[in-house]
Amino acid sequence: MCNVPTISLEAYLLHIFKYCLMTNKVFLVLLVSFERMSKLSSDAVSHSFVIALFNIHHLTIAGITVASKFFSNVFYTILHYAKVGGLPPTELNQLKLQFLLNDFYLIISSAEMQCYAEQLSLFSYADPQTQ
């Protein structure tokens, strides 16, 4: 049985942001990737990822690792990301490989990126009662 991490996803993201300098584009790529994964999760047998409470933290650090190296001029070693993310480097390498094998997660048009940025901006200004 897999255990759900005790740290909230928000706290985990803040922890990563504290120790890993990254651009907003990295977070947008992560958001796009997760949305694409969630659309495919209904057919989990033929896809590598299913997003769930017990793996969202590991998928987050793996996605940030890949997106940083793919979209940013600033990135760190796998050992650094693994230490910050709290998992063994071998596991992070395996997750990173799964992201790279599904490289369609990284092909994002400028228009699509802009659309996600606008949606995220609108969401951040929305009334918390309606979210």
N, C-alpha and C. Protein backbone atom coordinates (compact mmCIF):
# COMPACT_ATOMS: atom_id res chain seq x y z
N MET A 1 0.83 -1.18 0.00
CA MET A 1 0.00 0.00 0.00
C MET A 1 0.88 1.24 0.00
N CYS A 2 0.58 2.20 -0.87
CA CYS A 2 1.32 3.44 -0.97
C CYS A 2 0.79 4.45 0.04
N ASN A 3 1.72 5.18 0.62
CA ASN A 3 1.32 6.18 1.60
C ASN A 3 1.22 7.55 0.96
N VAL A 4 0.24 8.31 1.38
CA VAL A 4 0.09 9.69 0.93
C VAL A 4 1.05 10.53 1.76
N PRO A 5 1.88 11.37 1.10
CA PRO A 5 2.81 12.22 1.86
C PRO A 5 2.06 13.15 2.81
N THR A 6 2.69 13.47 3.92
CA THR A 6 2.05 14.32 4.92
C THR A 6 2.15 15.80 4.58
N ILE A 7 3.09 16.19 3.73
CA ILE A 7 3.23 17.58 3.33
C ILE A 7 2.22 17.90 2.21
N SER A 8 1.59 19.04 2.31
CA SER A 8 0.62 19.42 1.28
C SER A 8 1.37 19.71 -0.03
N LEU A 9 0.68 19.64 -1.12
CA LEU A 9 1.30 19.93 -2.41
C LEU A 9 1.76 21.38 -2.46
N GLU A 10 0.96 22.28 -1.90
CA GLU A 10 1.35 23.69 -1.88
C GLU A 10 2.66 23.88 -1.10
N ALA A 11 2.77 23.27 0.06
CA ALA A 11 3.99 23.37 0.86
C ALA A 11 5.18 22.74 0.14
N TYR A 12 4.92 21.63 -0.56
CA TYR A 12 5.97 20.95 -1.32
C TYR A 12 6.48 21.85 -2.45
N LEU A 13 5.56 22.49 -3.17
CA LEU A 13 5.96 23.40 -4.24
C LEU A 13 6.75 24.58 -3.69
N LEU A 14 6.33 25.12 -2.57
CA LEU A 14 7.07 26.22 -1.95
C LEU A 14 8.47 25.78 -1.52
N HIS A 15 8.58 24.56 -1.01
CA HIS A 15 9.87 24.00 -0.63
C HIS A 15 10.78 23.89 -1.86
N ILE A 16 10.24 23.37 -2.95
CA ILE A 16 11.04 23.23 -4.18
C ILE A 16 11.46 24.61 -4.68
N PHE A 17 10.52 25.55 -4.70
CA PHE A 17 10.82 26.90 -5.17
C PHE A 17 11.91 27.55 -4.33
N LYS A 18 11.93 27.26 -3.04
CA LYS A 18 12.93 27.83 -2.14
C LYS A 18 14.34 27.37 -2.50
N TYR A 19 14.48 26.11 -2.92
CA TYR A 19 15.81 25.54 -3.15
C TYR A 19 16.17 25.35 -4.63
N CYS A 20 15.24 25.64 -5.52
CA CYS A 20 15.50 25.48 -6.96
C CYS A 20 14.99 26.71 -7.70
N LEU A 21 15.89 27.53 -8.15
CA LEU A 21 15.51 28.70 -8.93
C LEU A 21 14.91 28.22 -10.25
N MET A 22 13.74 28.76 -10.61
CA MET A 22 13.12 28.36 -11.87
C MET A 22 12.21 29.47 -12.37
N THR A 23 11.92 29.40 -13.66
CA THR A 23 11.07 30.41 -14.27
C THR A 23 9.60 30.02 -14.13
N ASN A 24 8.73 30.98 -14.36
CA ASN A 24 7.29 30.70 -14.36
C ASN A 24 6.92 29.72 -15.45
N LYS A 25 7.68 29.73 -16.53
CA LYS A 25 7.41 28.82 -17.65
C LYS A 25 7.50 27.36 -17.20
N VAL A 26 8.41 27.07 -16.31
CA VAL A 26 8.55 25.71 -15.78
C VAL A 26 7.26 25.28 -15.09
N PHE A 27 6.69 26.17 -14.29
CA PHE A 27 5.43 25.84 -13.60
C PHE A 27 4.28 25.69 -14.59
N LEU A 28 4.26 26.52 -15.62
CA LEU A 28 3.21 26.40 -16.64
C LEU A 28 3.34 25.08 -17.39
N VAL A 29 4.57 24.68 -17.72
CA VAL A 29 4.79 23.39 -18.39
C VAL A 29 4.32 22.26 -17.50
N LEU A 30 4.59 22.35 -16.22
CA LEU A 30 4.13 21.34 -15.27
C LEU A 30 2.61 21.26 -15.25
N LEU A 31 1.95 22.41 -15.23
CA LEU A 31 0.49 22.46 -15.25
C LEU A 31 -0.07 21.83 -16.52
N VAL A 32 0.49 22.19 -17.66
CA VAL A 32 0.04 21.63 -18.94
C VAL A 32 0.25 20.12 -18.95
N SER A 33 1.42 19.68 -18.50
CA SER A 33 1.73 18.26 -18.47
C SER A 33 0.76 17.48 -17.61
N PHE A 34 0.47 18.01 -16.42
CA PHE A 34 -0.46 17.33 -15.53
C PHE A 34 -1.87 17.28 -16.11
N GLU A 35 -2.28 18.35 -16.75
CA GLU A 35 -3.61 18.32 -17.35
C GLU A 35 -3.67 17.28 -18.47
N ARG A 36 -2.62 17.21 -19.26
CA ARG A 36 -2.58 16.21 -20.33
C ARG A 36 -2.57 14.79 -19.75
N MET A 37 -1.80 14.61 -18.68
CA MET A 37 -1.77 13.29 -18.04
C MET A 37 -3.13 12.91 -17.49
N SER A 38 -3.80 13.87 -16.87
CA SER A 38 -5.09 13.55 -16.26
C SER A 38 -6.12 13.18 -17.33
N LYS A 39 -6.02 13.78 -18.50
CA LYS A 39 -6.93 13.43 -19.58
C LYS A 39 -6.69 12.00 -20.07
N LEU A 40 -5.45 11.54 -19.94
CA LEU A 40 -5.11 10.19 -20.39
C LEU A 40 -5.27 9.14 -19.30
N SER A 41 -5.45 9.57 -18.05
CA SER A 41 -5.46 8.61 -16.94
C SER A 41 -6.64 7.66 -16.95
N SER A 42 -7.67 7.98 -17.70
CA SER A 42 -8.81 7.05 -17.77
C SER A 42 -8.42 5.75 -18.46
N ASP A 43 -7.35 5.81 -19.24
CA ASP A 43 -6.84 4.62 -19.92
C ASP A 43 -5.47 4.26 -19.33
N ALA A 44 -5.42 4.09 -18.03
CA ALA A 44 -4.16 3.93 -17.30
C ALA A 44 -3.37 2.70 -17.73
N VAL A 45 -4.01 1.71 -18.30
CA VAL A 45 -3.30 0.50 -18.70
C VAL A 45 -2.25 0.79 -19.76
N SER A 46 -2.56 1.68 -20.68
CA SER A 46 -1.64 1.93 -21.77
C SER A 46 -0.79 3.19 -21.59
N HIS A 47 -0.89 3.83 -20.45
CA HIS A 47 -0.12 5.04 -20.21
C HIS A 47 0.71 4.90 -18.95
N SER A 48 1.84 5.61 -18.93
CA SER A 48 2.81 5.48 -17.85
C SER A 48 2.37 6.15 -16.55
N PHE A 49 1.57 7.20 -16.65
CA PHE A 49 1.26 7.99 -15.47
C PHE A 49 -0.22 7.98 -15.13
N VAL A 50 -0.47 7.84 -13.87
CA VAL A 50 -1.79 8.11 -13.31
C VAL A 50 -1.53 9.04 -12.14
N ILE A 51 -2.18 10.18 -12.15
CA ILE A 51 -1.97 11.15 -11.09
C ILE A 51 -2.87 10.79 -9.92
N ALA A 52 -2.26 10.65 -8.74
CA ALA A 52 -3.00 10.28 -7.54
C ALA A 52 -2.34 10.95 -6.33
N LEU A 53 -3.04 10.94 -5.22
CA LEU A 53 -2.50 11.57 -4.00
C LEU A 53 -1.16 10.97 -3.57
N PHE A 54 -0.97 9.68 -3.82
CA PHE A 54 0.26 9.05 -3.34
C PHE A 54 1.46 9.30 -4.26
N ASN A 55 1.25 9.83 -5.49
CA ASN A 55 2.40 10.04 -6.37
C ASN A 55 2.55 11.47 -6.89
N ILE A 56 1.63 12.35 -6.56
CA ILE A 56 1.66 13.70 -7.11
C ILE A 56 2.94 14.44 -6.74
N HIS A 57 3.47 14.23 -5.56
CA HIS A 57 4.70 14.91 -5.14
C HIS A 57 5.87 14.45 -6.00
N HIS A 58 5.99 13.15 -6.22
CA HIS A 58 7.09 12.63 -7.03
C HIS A 58 6.95 13.06 -8.49
N LEU A 59 5.73 13.05 -8.99
CA LEU A 59 5.52 13.51 -10.37
C LEU A 59 5.85 15.00 -10.48
N THR A 60 5.59 15.75 -9.44
CA THR A 60 5.88 17.19 -9.44
C THR A 60 7.37 17.45 -9.56
N ILE A 61 8.17 16.81 -8.73
CA ILE A 61 9.62 17.06 -8.79
C ILE A 61 10.19 16.51 -10.10
N ALA A 62 9.67 15.41 -10.60
CA ALA A 62 10.14 14.88 -11.88
C ALA A 62 9.79 15.84 -13.01
N GLY A 63 8.57 16.36 -13.00
CA GLY A 63 8.15 17.31 -14.02
C GLY A 63 8.95 18.60 -13.98
N ILE A 64 9.23 19.08 -12.79
CA ILE A 64 10.04 20.30 -12.65
C ILE A 64 11.46 20.04 -13.14
N THR A 65 12.00 18.88 -12.84
CA THR A 65 13.35 18.54 -13.29
C THR A 65 13.43 18.56 -14.81
N VAL A 66 12.49 17.88 -15.46
CA VAL A 66 12.49 17.80 -16.92
C VAL A 66 12.21 19.16 -17.54
N ALA A 67 11.19 19.85 -17.05
CA ALA A 67 10.83 21.15 -17.62
C ALA A 67 11.95 22.17 -17.46
N SER A 68 12.64 22.14 -16.33
CA SER A 68 13.75 23.06 -16.11
C SER A 68 14.87 22.82 -17.10
N LYS A 69 15.18 21.57 -17.32
CA LYS A 69 16.26 21.25 -18.25
C LYS A 69 15.87 21.50 -19.70
N PHE A 70 14.57 21.41 -19.99
CA PHE A 70 14.09 21.56 -21.36
C PHE A 70 13.81 23.02 -21.72
N PHE A 71 13.30 23.80 -20.76
CA PHE A 71 12.81 25.15 -21.05
C PHE A 71 13.59 26.28 -20.38
N SER A 72 14.55 25.98 -19.55
CA SER A 72 15.20 27.02 -18.77
C SER A 72 16.71 26.97 -18.94
N ASN A 73 17.34 28.13 -18.80
CA ASN A 73 18.79 28.19 -18.82
C ASN A 73 19.39 27.87 -17.46
N VAL A 74 18.54 27.81 -16.44
CA VAL A 74 18.99 27.53 -15.08
C VAL A 74 18.40 26.19 -14.65
N PHE A 75 19.27 25.23 -14.38
CA PHE A 75 18.81 23.96 -13.85
C PHE A 75 19.92 23.34 -13.01
N TYR A 76 19.57 22.30 -12.27
CA TYR A 76 20.49 21.70 -11.30
C TYR A 76 20.75 20.24 -11.67
N THR A 77 21.61 19.61 -10.89
CA THR A 77 21.90 18.19 -11.10
C THR A 77 20.74 17.34 -10.60
N ILE A 78 20.69 16.13 -11.07
CA ILE A 78 19.65 15.19 -10.62
C ILE A 78 19.78 14.96 -9.11
N LEU A 79 21.00 14.98 -8.60
CA LEU A 79 21.19 14.79 -7.15
C LEU A 79 20.55 15.93 -6.36
N HIS A 80 20.68 17.15 -6.88
CA HIS A 80 20.09 18.31 -6.20
C HIS A 80 18.56 18.21 -6.20
N TYR A 81 17.97 17.94 -7.38
CA TYR A 81 16.51 17.82 -7.44
C TYR A 81 16.02 16.68 -6.55
N ALA A 82 16.74 15.57 -6.54
CA ALA A 82 16.33 14.43 -5.71
C ALA A 82 16.38 14.79 -4.22
N LYS A 83 17.43 15.47 -3.82
CA LYS A 83 17.55 15.86 -2.41
C LYS A 83 16.42 16.83 -2.03
N VAL A 84 16.19 17.82 -2.87
CA VAL A 84 15.13 18.79 -2.60
C VAL A 84 13.76 18.11 -2.59
N GLY A 85 13.57 17.18 -3.54
CA GLY A 85 12.28 16.50 -3.65
C GLY A 85 12.06 15.38 -2.66
N GLY A 86 13.13 14.94 -2.00
CA GLY A 86 13.01 13.92 -0.97
C GLY A 86 12.83 12.51 -1.49
N LEU A 87 13.47 12.20 -2.62
CA LEU A 87 13.40 10.83 -3.12
C LEU A 87 14.77 10.42 -3.64
N PRO A 88 15.01 9.13 -3.76
CA PRO A 88 16.31 8.66 -4.24
C PRO A 88 16.57 9.10 -5.68
N PRO A 89 17.82 9.43 -6.01
CA PRO A 89 18.14 9.84 -7.38
C PRO A 89 17.75 8.79 -8.43
N THR A 90 17.85 7.53 -8.08
CA THR A 90 17.48 6.48 -9.05
C THR A 90 15.99 6.54 -9.38
N GLU A 91 15.17 6.79 -8.38
CA GLU A 91 13.73 6.90 -8.62
C GLU A 91 13.42 8.15 -9.45
N LEU A 92 14.09 9.26 -9.14
CA LEU A 92 13.86 10.48 -9.91
C LEU A 92 14.31 10.28 -11.36
N ASN A 93 15.41 9.58 -11.56
CA ASN A 93 15.86 9.29 -12.93
C ASN A 93 14.83 8.45 -13.69
N GLN A 94 14.24 7.48 -13.01
CA GLN A 94 13.21 6.65 -13.66
C GLN A 94 11.98 7.49 -14.02
N LEU A 95 11.55 8.35 -13.12
CA LEU A 95 10.41 9.22 -13.40
C LEU A 95 10.73 10.21 -14.52
N LYS A 96 11.95 10.74 -14.50
CA LYS A 96 12.39 11.66 -15.55
C LYS A 96 12.38 10.96 -16.91
N LEU A 97 12.83 9.74 -16.94
CA LEU A 97 12.83 8.96 -18.18
C LEU A 97 11.41 8.76 -18.69
N GLN A 98 10.47 8.50 -17.80
CA GLN A 98 9.07 8.34 -18.22
C GLN A 98 8.53 9.63 -18.83
N PHE A 99 8.89 10.77 -18.25
CA PHE A 99 8.48 12.04 -18.84
C PHE A 99 9.07 12.19 -20.24
N LEU A 100 10.35 11.85 -20.37
CA LEU A 100 11.02 12.01 -21.66
C LEU A 100 10.50 11.03 -22.70
N LEU A 101 10.12 9.84 -22.28
CA LEU A 101 9.56 8.87 -23.22
C LEU A 101 8.19 9.32 -23.72
N ASN A 102 7.53 10.13 -22.93
CA ASN A 102 6.24 10.72 -23.32
C ASN A 102 6.45 12.19 -23.65
N ASP A 103 7.40 12.45 -24.57
CA ASP A 103 7.84 13.83 -24.81
C ASP A 103 6.76 14.74 -25.36
N PHE A 104 5.61 14.18 -25.73
CA PHE A 104 4.52 15.07 -26.17
C PHE A 104 4.08 15.98 -25.04
N TYR A 105 4.41 15.65 -23.80
CA TYR A 105 4.10 16.53 -22.69
C TYR A 105 4.89 17.83 -22.79
N LEU A 106 6.03 17.79 -23.48
CA LEU A 106 6.89 18.96 -23.57
C LEU A 106 6.66 19.79 -24.83
N ILE A 107 5.85 19.31 -25.73
CA ILE A 107 5.56 20.05 -26.96
C ILE A 107 4.33 20.91 -26.70
N ILE A 108 4.59 22.19 -26.45
CA ILE A 108 3.53 23.12 -26.08
C ILE A 108 3.71 24.38 -26.94
N SER A 109 2.69 24.71 -27.70
CA SER A 109 2.78 25.90 -28.55
C SER A 109 2.75 27.16 -27.69
N SER A 110 3.23 28.25 -28.26
CA SER A 110 3.21 29.54 -27.56
C SER A 110 1.78 29.95 -27.24
N ALA A 111 0.87 29.70 -28.19
CA ALA A 111 -0.53 30.06 -27.97
C ALA A 111 -1.12 29.27 -26.81
N GLU A 112 -0.82 27.98 -26.75
CA GLU A 112 -1.33 27.15 -25.65
C GLU A 112 -0.73 27.60 -24.32
N MET A 113 0.56 27.92 -24.32
CA MET A 113 1.22 28.38 -23.10
C MET A 113 0.58 29.69 -22.63
N GLN A 114 0.30 30.59 -23.56
CA GLN A 114 -0.34 31.86 -23.22
C GLN A 114 -1.74 31.64 -22.65
N CYS A 115 -2.47 30.71 -23.25
CA CYS A 115 -3.82 30.39 -22.78
C CYS A 115 -3.78 29.89 -21.33
N TYR A 116 -2.86 28.98 -21.03
CA TYR A 116 -2.73 28.47 -19.66
C TYR A 116 -2.31 29.58 -18.70
N ALA A 117 -1.42 30.46 -19.14
CA ALA A 117 -0.98 31.57 -18.28
C ALA A 117 -2.17 32.48 -17.95
N GLU A 118 -2.99 32.76 -18.96
CA GLU A 118 -4.16 33.62 -18.74
C GLU A 118 -5.16 32.94 -17.81
N GLN A 119 -5.40 31.65 -18.01
CA GLN A 119 -6.33 30.93 -17.14
C GLN A 119 -5.83 30.90 -15.71
N LEU A 120 -4.55 30.67 -15.54
CA LEU A 120 -3.96 30.64 -14.20
C LEU A 120 -4.06 32.01 -13.53
N SER A 121 -3.83 33.04 -14.30
CA SER A 121 -3.94 34.40 -13.79
C SER A 121 -5.37 34.70 -13.34
N LEU A 122 -6.33 34.33 -14.17
CA LEU A 122 -7.74 34.52 -13.80
C LEU A 122 -8.09 33.73 -12.55
N PHE A 123 -7.60 32.50 -12.47
CA PHE A 123 -7.87 31.66 -11.31
C PHE A 123 -7.29 32.27 -10.04
N SER A 124 -6.10 32.85 -10.16
CA SER A 124 -5.45 33.41 -8.97
C SER A 124 -6.18 34.63 -8.43
N TYR A 125 -6.93 35.33 -9.31
CA TYR A 125 -7.68 36.50 -8.87
C TYR A 125 -9.14 36.19 -8.56
N ALA A 126 -9.55 34.95 -8.76
CA ALA A 126 -10.95 34.57 -8.52
C ALA A 126 -11.26 34.54 -7.03
N ASP A 127 -12.51 34.62 -6.73
CA ASP A 127 -12.99 34.56 -5.36
C ASP A 127 -12.73 33.15 -4.81
N PRO A 128 -12.01 33.02 -3.70
CA PRO A 128 -11.71 31.70 -3.13
C PRO A 128 -12.97 30.85 -2.85
N GLN A 129 -14.09 31.51 -2.63
CA GLN A 129 -15.34 30.80 -2.36
C GLN A 129 -15.84 30.03 -3.58
N THR A 130 -15.46 30.50 -4.79
CA THR A 130 -15.94 29.85 -6.02
C THR A 130 -14.98 28.80 -6.55
N GLN A 131 -13.82 28.66 -5.95
CA GLN A 131 -12.84 27.71 -6.45
C GLN A 131 -13.11 26.39 -5.87
